[in-house]
């Protein structure tokens, strides 16, 4: 008799505990949903950031991956790409405006800005230099969040030297190839690499081979003969490399992040239009553009401190 009563008490107690646990889980999920909400102004700023990343992905000498690091959204993007099902609910809501902006920047605004890049190449590039340079201090702070070791500094210097050597070598090489399905697969690989490997500008990799112009024009005109192989190359690259790069950050955060700082510094130095500073008039214009870029970067950095995409 007492055994049955005790059993019934235990059963009711377990049921009550289970109900409490379910309610706590529901409340936790509700709080997470509230945390993921952003104001319309924040949503618009995220779209602007995405548009700039899209522009950086397509414009010569600029890396979309570098800009995603600068804006503090590289890590969540990599976490989503490496574990899409696991991180879908937590990451997608805050990254949706970034993806929208990226499409706008890559397919839409890039054509407009390309006009200014062709007509005023040095000021346009200097604007991006100021944008990247203005964000470097916050990037360096983020790299040291888990401390700095001797290996961190070695990583920074080695990565910087490797990027300098690679970009200088590509700049000195001028070997053009005939566009084909296989080469457009390679273009897709370079495009994805420029996002998941900061500092790797796909335009810098494709220009020496004569593939940049036909690839970008094909994307702008929605040419399926170019979009299909390019898309396949990009997707395969993300699948193969995203998890590896994300694991690198999880296990060697400081070393990996300081390596990115070195890459960003080298990639930024390499796009400085030295010839644009030889005359006083053009030098003044370029300096003004750099200052404007720095001001924009500081405004975006202040915004980033209020919106975390983690």
C-alpha atoms as a PDB file:
ATOM      1  CA  UNK A   1       0.000   0.000   0.000  1.00  0.00           C
ATOM      2  CA  UNK A   2       2.718   2.444   1.083  1.00  0.00           C
ATOM      3  CA  UNK A   3       4.811   1.291  -1.870  1.00  0.00           C
ATOM      4  CA  UNK A   4       2.007   2.210  -4.287  1.00  0.00           C
ATOM      5  CA  UNK A   5       1.555   5.605  -2.607  1.00  0.00           C
ATOM      6  CA  UNK A   6       5.298   6.304  -2.761  1.00  0.00           C
ATOM      7  CA  UNK A   7       5.377   5.218  -6.393  1.00  0.00           C
ATOM      8  CA  UNK A   8       2.487   7.556  -7.187  1.00  0.00           C
ATOM      9  CA  UNK A   9       4.225  10.429  -5.374  1.00  0.00           C
ATOM     10  CA  UNK A  10       7.443   9.786  -7.311  1.00  0.00           C
ATOM     11  CA  UNK A  11       5.512   9.651 -10.580  1.00  0.00           C
ATOM     12  CA  UNK A  12       3.754  12.953  -9.886  1.00  0.00           C
ATOM     13  CA  UNK A  13       7.046  14.541  -8.785  1.00  0.00           C
ATOM     14  CA  UNK A  14       8.803  13.417 -11.978  1.00  0.00           C
ATOM     15  CA  UNK A  15       5.912  14.741 -14.059  1.00  0.00           C
ATOM     16  CA  UNK A  16       6.085  18.095 -12.268  1.00  0.00           C
ATOM     17  CA  UNK A  17       9.862  18.292 -12.808  1.00  0.00           C
ATOM     18  CA  UNK A  18       9.389  17.435 -16.484  1.00  0.00           C
ATOM     19  CA  UNK A  19       6.746  20.158 -16.875  1.00  0.00           C
ATOM     20  CA  UNK A  20       9.047  22.691 -15.200  1.00  0.00           C
ATOM     21  CA  UNK A  21      11.900  21.703 -17.492  1.00  0.00           C
ATOM     22  CA  UNK A  22       9.685  22.078 -20.562  1.00  0.00           C
ATOM     23  CA  UNK A  23       8.459  25.483 -19.382  1.00  0.00           C
ATOM     24  CA  UNK A  24      12.028  26.599 -18.683  1.00  0.00           C
ATOM     25  CA  UNK A  25      13.059  25.480 -22.163  1.00  0.00           C
ATOM     26  CA  UNK A  26      10.132  27.403 -23.680  1.00  0.00           C
ATOM     27  CA  UNK A  27      11.030  30.543 -21.729  1.00  0.00           C
ATOM     28  CA  UNK A  28      14.670  30.162 -22.764  1.00  0.00           C
ATOM     29  CA  UNK A  29      13.705  29.873 -26.410  1.00  0.00           C
ATOM     30  CA  UNK A  30      11.428  32.900 -26.075  1.00  0.00           C
ATOM     31  CA  UNK A  31      14.284  34.910 -24.589  1.00  0.00           C
ATOM     32  CA  UNK A  32      16.583  33.809 -27.401  1.00  0.00           C
ATOM     33  CA  UNK A  33      13.995  34.896 -29.934  1.00  0.00           C
ATOM     34  CA  UNK A  34      13.751  38.262 -28.252  1.00  0.00           C
ATOM     35  CA  UNK A  35      17.557  38.574 -28.300  1.00  0.00           C
ATOM     36  CA  UNK A  36      17.661  37.886 -32.041  1.00  0.00           C
ATOM     37  CA  UNK A  37      15.278  40.745 -32.805  1.00  0.00           C
ATOM     38  CA  UNK A  38      16.763  43.920 -34.180  1.00  0.00           C
ATOM     39  CA  UNK A  39      15.343  47.351 -34.812  1.00  0.00           C
ATOM     40  CA  UNK A  40      14.608  48.584 -38.363  1.00  0.00           C
ATOM     41  CA  UNK A  41      17.676  50.842 -38.178  1.00  0.00           C
ATOM     42  CA  UNK A  42      19.880  47.905 -37.195  1.00  0.00           C
ATOM     43  CA  UNK A  43      18.342  45.828 -39.986  1.00  0.00           C
ATOM     44  CA  UNK A  44      19.198  48.536 -42.531  1.00  0.00           C
ATOM     45  CA  UNK A  45      22.762  48.806 -41.197  1.00  0.00           C
ATOM     46  CA  UNK A  46      23.192  45.048 -41.582  1.00  0.00           C
ATOM     47  CA  UNK A  47      21.981  45.320 -45.180  1.00  0.00           C
ATOM     48  CA  UNK A  48      24.557  48.071 -45.778  1.00  0.00           C
ATOM     49  CA  UNK A  49      27.264  45.856 -44.307  1.00  0.00           C
ATOM     50  CA  UNK A  50      26.179  42.983 -46.546  1.00  0.00           C
ATOM     51  CA  UNK A  51      26.166  45.279 -49.584  1.00  0.00           C
ATOM     52  CA  UNK A  52      29.721  46.390 -48.802  1.00  0.00           C
ATOM     53  CA  UNK A  53      30.788  42.740 -48.457  1.00  0.00           C
ATOM     54  CA  UNK A  54      29.140  41.994 -51.812  1.00  0.00           C
ATOM     55  CA  UNK A  55      30.970  44.930 -53.344  1.00  0.00           C
ATOM     56  CA  UNK A  56      34.224  43.788 -51.774  1.00  0.00           C
ATOM     57  CA  UNK A  57      33.718  40.345 -53.293  1.00  0.00           C
ATOM     58  CA  UNK A  58      33.449  41.691 -56.837  1.00  0.00           C
ATOM     59  CA  UNK A  59      35.635  44.809 -56.913  1.00  0.00           C
ATOM     60  CA  UNK A  60      39.290  44.479 -57.959  1.00  0.00           C
ATOM     61  CA  UNK A  61      41.727  44.158 -55.074  1.00  0.00           C
ATOM     62  CA  UNK A  62      39.048  44.027 -52.344  1.00  0.00           C
ATOM     63  CA  UNK A  63      38.197  40.931 -50.289  1.00  0.00           C
ATOM     64  CA  UNK A  64      34.644  40.272 -49.134  1.00  0.00           C
ATOM     65  CA  UNK A  65      36.081  38.047 -46.412  1.00  0.00           C
ATOM     66  CA  UNK A  66      38.199  40.904 -45.075  1.00  0.00           C
ATOM     67  CA  UNK A  67      35.140  43.163 -44.829  1.00  0.00           C
ATOM     68  CA  UNK A  68      33.104  40.440 -43.081  1.00  0.00           C
ATOM     69  CA  UNK A  69      35.916  40.159 -40.514  1.00  0.00           C
ATOM     70  CA  UNK A  70      36.077  43.946 -40.179  1.00  0.00           C
ATOM     71  CA  UNK A  71      32.317  44.090 -39.513  1.00  0.00           C
ATOM     72  CA  UNK A  72      32.518  41.324 -36.896  1.00  0.00           C
ATOM     73  CA  UNK A  73      30.299  38.847 -38.763  1.00  0.00           C
ATOM     74  CA  UNK A  74      32.923  36.498 -40.241  1.00  0.00           C
ATOM     75  CA  UNK A  75      32.803  33.990 -37.387  1.00  0.00           C
ATOM     76  CA  UNK A  76      28.992  33.559 -37.316  1.00  0.00           C
ATOM     77  CA  UNK A  77      28.960  33.225 -41.122  1.00  0.00           C
ATOM     78  CA  UNK A  78      31.573  30.469 -40.918  1.00  0.00           C
ATOM     79  CA  UNK A  79      29.690  28.765 -38.081  1.00  0.00           C
ATOM     80  CA  UNK A  80      26.537  28.757 -40.208  1.00  0.00           C
ATOM     81  CA  UNK A  81      28.321  27.476 -43.320  1.00  0.00           C
ATOM     82  CA  UNK A  82      30.136  24.708 -41.431  1.00  0.00           C
ATOM     83  CA  UNK A  83      27.091  23.578 -39.381  1.00  0.00           C
ATOM     84  CA  UNK A  84      24.004  24.869 -41.249  1.00  0.00           C
ATOM     85  CA  UNK A  85      21.444  22.639 -39.517  1.00  0.00           C
ATOM     86  CA  UNK A  86      22.820  23.115 -36.010  1.00  0.00           C
ATOM     87  CA  UNK A  87      23.112  26.915 -36.241  1.00  0.00           C
ATOM     88  CA  UNK A  88      20.158  27.661 -38.518  1.00  0.00           C
ATOM     89  CA  UNK A  89      17.783  29.033 -35.860  1.00  0.00           C
ATOM     90  CA  UNK A  90      20.377  31.029 -33.936  1.00  0.00           C
ATOM     91  CA  UNK A  91      22.356  32.518 -36.833  1.00  0.00           C
ATOM     92  CA  UNK A  92      20.032  32.938 -39.817  1.00  0.00           C
ATOM     93  CA  UNK A  93      17.659  35.552 -38.289  1.00  0.00           C
ATOM     94  CA  UNK A  94      20.528  37.988 -37.686  1.00  0.00           C
ATOM     95  CA  UNK A  95      22.361  37.158 -40.917  1.00  0.00           C
ATOM     96  CA  UNK A  96      19.353  37.477 -43.254  1.00  0.00           C
ATOM     97  CA  UNK A  97      19.865  41.250 -43.795  1.00  0.00           C
ATOM     98  CA  UNK A  98      23.573  40.601 -44.426  1.00  0.00           C
ATOM     99  CA  UNK A  99      22.720  38.040 -47.119  1.00  0.00           C
ATOM    100  CA  UNK A 100      20.165  40.415 -48.662  1.00  0.00           C
ATOM    101  CA  UNK A 101      22.744  43.197 -48.732  1.00  0.00           C
ATOM    102  CA  UNK A 102      25.355  40.839 -50.160  1.00  0.00           C
ATOM    103  CA  UNK A 103      23.134  39.981 -53.125  1.00  0.00           C
ATOM    104  CA  UNK A 104      22.314  43.664 -53.669  1.00  0.00           C
ATOM    105  CA  UNK A 105      25.974  44.638 -53.500  1.00  0.00           C
ATOM    106  CA  UNK A 106      27.228  41.800 -55.686  1.00  0.00           C
ATOM    107  CA  UNK A 107      24.594  41.879 -58.417  1.00  0.00           C
ATOM    108  CA  UNK A 108      23.152  45.375 -58.264  1.00  0.00           C
ATOM    109  CA  UNK A 109      25.231  48.126 -56.730  1.00  0.00           C
ATOM    110  CA  UNK A 110      28.478  46.562 -57.975  1.00  0.00           C
ATOM    111  CA  UNK A 111      27.587  47.507 -61.556  1.00  0.00           C
ATOM    112  CA  UNK A 112      27.027  51.122 -60.514  1.00  0.00           C
ATOM    113  CA  UNK A 113      30.138  51.283 -58.381  1.00  0.00           C
ATOM    114  CA  UNK A 114      32.140  49.589 -61.126  1.00  0.00           C
ATOM    115  CA  UNK A 115      31.428  52.686 -63.230  1.00  0.00           C
ATOM    116  CA  UNK A 116      32.977  54.921 -60.569  1.00  0.00           C
ATOM    117  CA  UNK A 117      35.837  52.456 -60.126  1.00  0.00           C
ATOM    118  CA  UNK A 118      36.577  52.677 -63.832  1.00  0.00           C
ATOM    119  CA  UNK A 119      36.158  56.467 -63.978  1.00  0.00           C
ATOM    120  CA  UNK A 120      37.670  57.305 -60.551  1.00  0.00           C
ATOM    121  CA  UNK A 121      39.678  54.181 -59.650  1.00  0.00           C
ATOM    122  CA  UNK A 122      42.055  55.674 -57.089  1.00  0.00           C
ATOM    123  CA  UNK A 123      39.466  57.549 -54.944  1.00  0.00           C
ATOM    124  CA  UNK A 124      37.166  54.496 -54.937  1.00  0.00           C
ATOM    125  CA  UNK A 125      39.958  52.204 -53.764  1.00  0.00           C
ATOM    126  CA  UNK A 126      41.113  54.764 -51.178  1.00  0.00           C
ATOM    127  CA  UNK A 127      37.585  54.839 -49.749  1.00  0.00           C
ATOM    128  CA  UNK A 128      37.820  51.093 -49.122  1.00  0.00           C
ATOM    129  CA  UNK A 129      41.327  51.469 -47.704  1.00  0.00           C
ATOM    130  CA  UNK A 130      39.998  53.981 -45.175  1.00  0.00           C
ATOM    131  CA  UNK A 131      37.097  51.667 -44.367  1.00  0.00           C
ATOM    132  CA  UNK A 132      39.408  48.733 -43.691  1.00  0.00           C
ATOM    133  CA  UNK A 133      42.056  50.806 -41.898  1.00  0.00           C
ATOM    134  CA  UNK A 134      39.470  52.383 -39.607  1.00  0.00           C
ATOM    135  CA  UNK A 135      38.298  48.953 -38.482  1.00  0.00           C
ATOM    136  CA  UNK A 136      41.776  47.497 -37.884  1.00  0.00           C
ATOM    137  CA  UNK A 137      41.986  48.580 -34.199  1.00  0.00           C
ATOM    138  CA  UNK A 138      38.727  46.806 -33.317  1.00  0.00           C
ATOM    139  CA  UNK A 139      39.837  43.797 -35.364  1.00  0.00           C
ATOM    140  CA  UNK A 140      43.105  43.666 -33.414  1.00  0.00           C
ATOM    141  CA  UNK A 141      41.216  43.892 -30.105  1.00  0.00           C
ATOM    142  CA  UNK A 142      38.985  41.011 -31.151  1.00  0.00           C
ATOM    143  CA  UNK A 143      42.021  38.940 -32.115  1.00  0.00           C
ATOM    144  CA  UNK A 144      43.328  39.288 -28.554  1.00  0.00           C
ATOM    145  CA  UNK A 145      40.073  38.367 -26.789  1.00  0.00           C
ATOM    146  CA  UNK A 146      41.572  35.033 -25.681  1.00  0.00           C
ATOM    147  CA  UNK A 147      45.054  36.399 -25.088  1.00  0.00           C
ATOM    148  CA  UNK A 148      48.154  36.711 -27.249  1.00  0.00           C
ATOM    149  CA  UNK A 149      51.032  34.266 -27.375  1.00  0.00           C
ATOM    150  CA  UNK A 150      54.322  34.108 -29.216  1.00  0.00           C
ATOM    151  CA  UNK A 151      52.580  31.886 -31.743  1.00  0.00           C
ATOM    152  CA  UNK A 152      49.980  34.628 -32.343  1.00  0.00           C
ATOM    153  CA  UNK A 153      52.631  37.135 -33.394  1.00  0.00           C
ATOM    154  CA  UNK A 154      54.438  34.547 -35.523  1.00  0.00           C
ATOM    155  CA  UNK A 155      51.130  33.742 -37.241  1.00  0.00           C
ATOM    156  CA  UNK A 156      50.517  37.433 -37.966  1.00  0.00           C
ATOM    157  CA  UNK A 157      53.957  37.969 -39.504  1.00  0.00           C
ATOM    158  CA  UNK A 158      54.005  34.696 -41.491  1.00  0.00           C
ATOM    159  CA  UNK A 159      50.523  35.213 -42.961  1.00  0.00           C
ATOM    160  CA  UNK A 160      51.353  38.809 -43.847  1.00  0.00           C
ATOM    161  CA  UNK A 161      54.535  37.751 -45.649  1.00  0.00           C
ATOM    162  CA  UNK A 162      52.773  34.899 -47.490  1.00  0.00           C
ATOM    163  CA  UNK A 163      50.039  37.227 -48.776  1.00  0.00           C
ATOM    164  CA  UNK A 164      52.617  39.819 -49.821  1.00  0.00           C
ATOM    165  CA  UNK A 165      54.525  37.149 -51.762  1.00  0.00           C
ATOM    166  CA  UNK A 166      51.370  35.677 -53.328  1.00  0.00           C
ATOM    167  CA  UNK A 167      49.873  38.997 -54.440  1.00  0.00           C
ATOM    168  CA  UNK A 168      53.195  40.335 -55.731  1.00  0.00           C
ATOM    169  CA  UNK A 169      53.715  37.094 -57.658  1.00  0.00           C
ATOM    170  CA  UNK A 170      50.221  37.284 -59.177  1.00  0.00           C
ATOM    171  CA  UNK A 171      50.774  40.934 -60.070  1.00  0.00           C
ATOM    172  CA  UNK A 172      53.992  40.043 -61.905  1.00  0.00           C
ATOM    173  CA  UNK A 173      52.382  37.119 -63.730  1.00  0.00           C
ATOM    174  CA  UNK A 174      50.314  37.729 -66.848  1.00  0.00           C
ATOM    175  CA  UNK A 175      49.119  34.406 -68.261  1.00  0.00           C
ATOM    176  CA  UNK A 176      45.683  34.524 -69.891  1.00  0.00           C
ATOM    177  CA  UNK A 177      43.557  31.426 -70.472  1.00  0.00           C
ATOM    178  CA  UNK A 178      40.544  30.730 -72.703  1.00  0.00           C
ATOM    179  CA  UNK A 179      37.309  30.791 -70.640  1.00  0.00           C
ATOM    180  CA  UNK A 180      35.619  27.385 -70.395  1.00  0.00           C
ATOM    181  CA  UNK A 181      33.369  25.335 -68.084  1.00  0.00           C
ATOM    182  CA  UNK A 182      36.374  24.095 -66.106  1.00  0.00           C
ATOM    183  CA  UNK A 183      37.841  27.564 -65.708  1.00  0.00           C
ATOM    184  CA  UNK A 184      34.478  28.931 -64.563  1.00  0.00           C
ATOM    185  CA  UNK A 185      34.456  26.193 -61.911  1.00  0.00           C
ATOM    186  CA  UNK A 186      37.798  27.624 -60.836  1.00  0.00           C
ATOM    187  CA  UNK A 187      36.235  31.118 -60.784  1.00  0.00           C
ATOM    188  CA  UNK A 188      33.530  29.849 -58.404  1.00  0.00           C
ATOM    189  CA  UNK A 189      36.241  28.318 -56.228  1.00  0.00           C
ATOM    190  CA  UNK A 190      38.078  31.670 -56.071  1.00  0.00           C
ATOM    191  CA  UNK A 191      34.848  33.546 -55.304  1.00  0.00           C
ATOM    192  CA  UNK A 192      34.009  31.280 -52.348  1.00  0.00           C
ATOM    193  CA  UNK A 193      37.623  31.360 -51.190  1.00  0.00           C
ATOM    194  CA  UNK A 194      37.526  35.172 -51.077  1.00  0.00           C
ATOM    195  CA  UNK A 195      34.698  34.932 -48.524  1.00  0.00           C
ATOM    196  CA  UNK A 196      35.868  32.064 -46.306  1.00  0.00           C
ATOM    197  CA  UNK A 197      39.565  32.976 -46.491  1.00  0.00           C
ATOM    198  CA  UNK A 198      39.883  36.713 -45.682  1.00  0.00           C
ATOM    199  CA  UNK A 199      42.437  38.550 -47.779  1.00  0.00           C
ATOM    200  CA  UNK A 200      41.929  36.360 -50.820  1.00  0.00           C
ATOM    201  CA  UNK A 201      40.389  38.691 -53.405  1.00  0.00           C
ATOM    202  CA  UNK A 202      38.955  36.592 -56.219  1.00  0.00           C
ATOM    203  CA  UNK A 203      39.488  39.496 -58.620  1.00  0.00           C
ATOM    204  CA  UNK A 204      43.190  39.507 -57.759  1.00  0.00           C
ATOM    205  CA  UNK A 205      43.370  35.780 -58.497  1.00  0.00           C
ATOM    206  CA  UNK A 206      41.396  35.961 -61.767  1.00  0.00           C
ATOM    207  CA  UNK A 207      42.734  39.162 -63.332  1.00  0.00           C
ATOM    208  CA  UNK A 208      46.197  37.750 -64.162  1.00  0.00           C
ATOM    209  CA  UNK A 209      44.472  34.860 -65.985  1.00  0.00           C
ATOM    210  CA  UNK A 210      42.118  37.102 -67.965  1.00  0.00           C
ATOM    211  CA  UNK A 211      39.034  35.529 -66.337  1.00  0.00           C
ATOM    212  CA  UNK A 212      37.804  38.395 -64.157  1.00  0.00           C
ATOM    213  CA  UNK A 213      35.995  40.452 -66.810  1.00  0.00           C
ATOM    214  CA  UNK A 214      34.121  37.591 -68.566  1.00  0.00           C
ATOM    215  CA  UNK A 215      33.131  36.047 -65.222  1.00  0.00           C
ATOM    216  CA  UNK A 216      31.766  39.289 -63.735  1.00  0.00           C
ATOM    217  CA  UNK A 217      30.016  40.250 -66.972  1.00  0.00           C
ATOM    218  CA  UNK A 218      28.443  36.783 -67.129  1.00  0.00           C
ATOM    219  CA  UNK A 219      27.110  37.148 -63.591  1.00  0.00           C
ATOM    220  CA  UNK A 220      25.780  40.639 -64.337  1.00  0.00           C
ATOM    221  CA  UNK A 221      23.927  39.344 -67.412  1.00  0.00           C
ATOM    222  CA  UNK A 222      22.729  36.151 -65.639  1.00  0.00           C
ATOM    223  CA  UNK A 223      24.501  33.956 -68.186  1.00  0.00           C
ATOM    224  CA  UNK A 224      23.707  30.371 -67.103  1.00  0.00           C
ATOM    225  CA  UNK A 225      26.761  29.041 -68.928  1.00  0.00           C
ATOM    226  CA  UNK A 226      28.800  30.992 -66.374  1.00  0.00           C
ATOM    227  CA  UNK A 227      26.479  30.992 -63.334  1.00  0.00           C
ATOM    228  CA  UNK A 228      26.076  27.189 -63.222  1.00  0.00           C
ATOM    229  CA  UNK A 229      29.781  26.196 -63.176  1.00  0.00           C
ATOM    230  CA  UNK A 230      30.614  29.200 -60.992  1.00  0.00           C
ATOM    231  CA  UNK A 231      27.893  28.220 -58.505  1.00  0.00           C
ATOM    232  CA  UNK A 232      29.035  24.594 -58.448  1.00  0.00           C
ATOM    233  CA  UNK A 233      32.623  25.620 -57.781  1.00  0.00           C
ATOM    234  CA  UNK A 234      31.566  27.974 -54.980  1.00  0.00           C
ATOM    235  CA  UNK A 235      29.295  25.428 -53.251  1.00  0.00           C
ATOM    236  CA  UNK A 236      31.885  22.631 -53.416  1.00  0.00           C
ATOM    237  CA  UNK A 237      34.530  24.970 -51.980  1.00  0.00           C
ATOM    238  CA  UNK A 238      32.306  25.984 -49.068  1.00  0.00           C
ATOM    239  CA  UNK A 239      31.433  22.348 -48.297  1.00  0.00           C
ATOM    240  CA  UNK A 240      35.077  21.251 -48.339  1.00  0.00           C
ATOM    241  CA  UNK A 241      36.708  24.160 -46.508  1.00  0.00           C
ATOM    242  CA  UNK A 242      34.128  25.811 -44.222  1.00  0.00           C
ATOM    243  CA  UNK A 243      34.251  23.151 -41.491  1.00  0.00           C
ATOM    244  CA  UNK A 244      38.045  23.015 -41.546  1.00  0.00           C
ATOM    245  CA  UNK A 245      38.386  26.788 -41.166  1.00  0.00           C
ATOM    246  CA  UNK A 246      35.731  26.919 -38.427  1.00  0.00           C
ATOM    247  CA  UNK A 247      37.507  24.099 -36.539  1.00  0.00           C
ATOM    248  CA  UNK A 248      40.741  26.071 -36.818  1.00  0.00           C
ATOM    249  CA  UNK A 249      39.091  29.013 -35.054  1.00  0.00           C
ATOM    250  CA  UNK A 250      37.555  26.816 -32.365  1.00  0.00           C
ATOM    251  CA  UNK A 251      40.874  25.178 -31.477  1.00  0.00           C
ATOM    252  CA  UNK A 252      43.422  27.901 -32.260  1.00  0.00           C
ATOM    253  CA  UNK A 253      41.456  31.150 -31.970  1.00  0.00           C
ATOM    254  CA  UNK A 254      44.304  33.544 -31.199  1.00  0.00           C
ATOM    255  CA  UNK A 255      46.725  32.102 -33.750  1.00  0.00           C
ATOM    256  CA  UNK A 256      44.068  31.955 -36.490  1.00  0.00           C
ATOM    257  CA  UNK A 257      42.714  35.449 -35.820  1.00  0.00           C
ATOM    258  CA  UNK A 258      46.155  37.045 -35.697  1.00  0.00           C
ATOM    259  CA  UNK A 259      46.868  35.319 -38.996  1.00  0.00           C
ATOM    260  CA  UNK A 260      43.799  37.057 -40.421  1.00  0.00           C
ATOM    261  CA  UNK A 261      45.042  40.403 -39.082  1.00  0.00           C
ATOM    262  CA  UNK A 262      48.290  39.824 -40.985  1.00  0.00           C
ATOM    263  CA  UNK A 263      46.332  38.928 -44.125  1.00  0.00           C
ATOM    264  CA  UNK A 264      44.162  42.037 -43.840  1.00  0.00           C
ATOM    265  CA  UNK A 265      47.200  44.306 -43.389  1.00  0.00           C
ATOM    266  CA  UNK A 266      49.010  42.803 -46.395  1.00  0.00           C
ATOM    267  CA  UNK A 267      45.931  42.799 -48.633  1.00  0.00           C
ATOM    268  CA  UNK A 268      45.180  46.429 -47.750  1.00  0.00           C
ATOM    269  CA  UNK A 269      48.739  47.627 -48.347  1.00  0.00           C
ATOM    270  CA  UNK A 270      48.797  45.882 -51.732  1.00  0.00           C
ATOM    271  CA  UNK A 271      45.773  47.802 -53.045  1.00  0.00           C
ATOM    272  CA  UNK A 272      47.166  51.271 -52.186  1.00  0.00           C
ATOM    273  CA  UNK A 273      47.237  53.236 -55.477  1.00  0.00           C
ATOM    274  CA  UNK A 274      50.762  54.629 -55.116  1.00  0.00           C
ATOM    275  CA  UNK A 275      50.568  56.489 -58.445  1.00  0.00           C
ATOM    276  CA  UNK A 276      47.521  58.373 -57.140  1.00  0.00           C
ATOM    277  CA  UNK A 277      49.663  60.195 -54.575  1.00  0.00           C
ATOM    278  CA  UNK A 278      52.325  61.511 -56.951  1.00  0.00           C
ATOM    279  CA  UNK A 279      50.499  64.777 -57.739  1.00  0.00           C
ATOM    280  CA  UNK A 280      49.232  67.194 -55.081  1.00  0.00           C
ATOM    281  CA  UNK A 281      45.674  67.415 -56.428  1.00  0.00           C
ATOM    282  CA  UNK A 282      45.028  63.678 -56.678  1.00  0.00           C
ATOM    283  CA  UNK A 283      46.801  63.074 -53.364  1.00  0.00           C
ATOM    284  CA  UNK A 284      44.441  65.481 -51.562  1.00  0.00           C
ATOM    285  CA  UNK A 285      41.369  63.823 -53.096  1.00  0.00           C
ATOM    286  CA  UNK A 286      42.622  60.345 -52.178  1.00  0.00           C
ATOM    287  CA  UNK A 287      43.451  61.410 -48.611  1.00  0.00           C
ATOM    288  CA  UNK A 288      39.939  62.861 -48.232  1.00  0.00           C
ATOM    289  CA  UNK A 289      38.476  59.559 -49.443  1.00  0.00           C
ATOM    290  CA  UNK A 290      40.585  57.647 -46.920  1.00  0.00           C
ATOM    291  CA  UNK A 291      39.394  59.954 -44.116  1.00  0.00           C
ATOM    292  CA  UNK A 292      35.768  59.486 -45.195  1.00  0.00           C
ATOM    293  CA  UNK A 293      36.318  55.704 -45.159  1.00  0.00           C
ATOM    294  CA  UNK A 294      37.764  55.876 -41.645  1.00  0.00           C
ATOM    295  CA  UNK A 295      34.772  57.926 -40.416  1.00  0.00           C
ATOM    296  CA  UNK A 296      32.349  55.404 -41.925  1.00  0.00           C
ATOM    297  CA  UNK A 297      34.348  52.573 -40.334  1.00  0.00           C
ATOM    298  CA  UNK A 298      34.177  54.199 -36.897  1.00  0.00           C
ATOM    299  CA  UNK A 299      30.395  54.655 -37.266  1.00  0.00           C
ATOM    300  CA  UNK A 300      29.982  51.008 -38.276  1.00  0.00           C
ATOM    301  CA  UNK A 301      32.227  49.913 -35.405  1.00  0.00           C
ATOM    302  CA  UNK A 302      30.030  51.830 -32.958  1.00  0.00           C
ATOM    303  CA  UNK A 303      26.993  50.144 -34.465  1.00  0.00           C
ATOM    304  CA  UNK A 304      28.637  46.711 -34.228  1.00  0.00           C
ATOM    305  CA  UNK A 305      29.163  47.198 -30.495  1.00  0.00           C
ATOM    306  CA  UNK A 306      25.388  47.428 -30.109  1.00  0.00           C
ATOM    307  CA  UNK A 307      24.444  44.469 -32.316  1.00  0.00           C
ATOM    308  CA  UNK A 308      26.127  41.120 -31.801  1.00  0.00           C
ATOM    309  CA  UNK A 309      25.650  38.355 -34.332  1.00  0.00           C
ATOM    310  CA  UNK A 310      26.765  35.361 -32.300  1.00  0.00           C
END
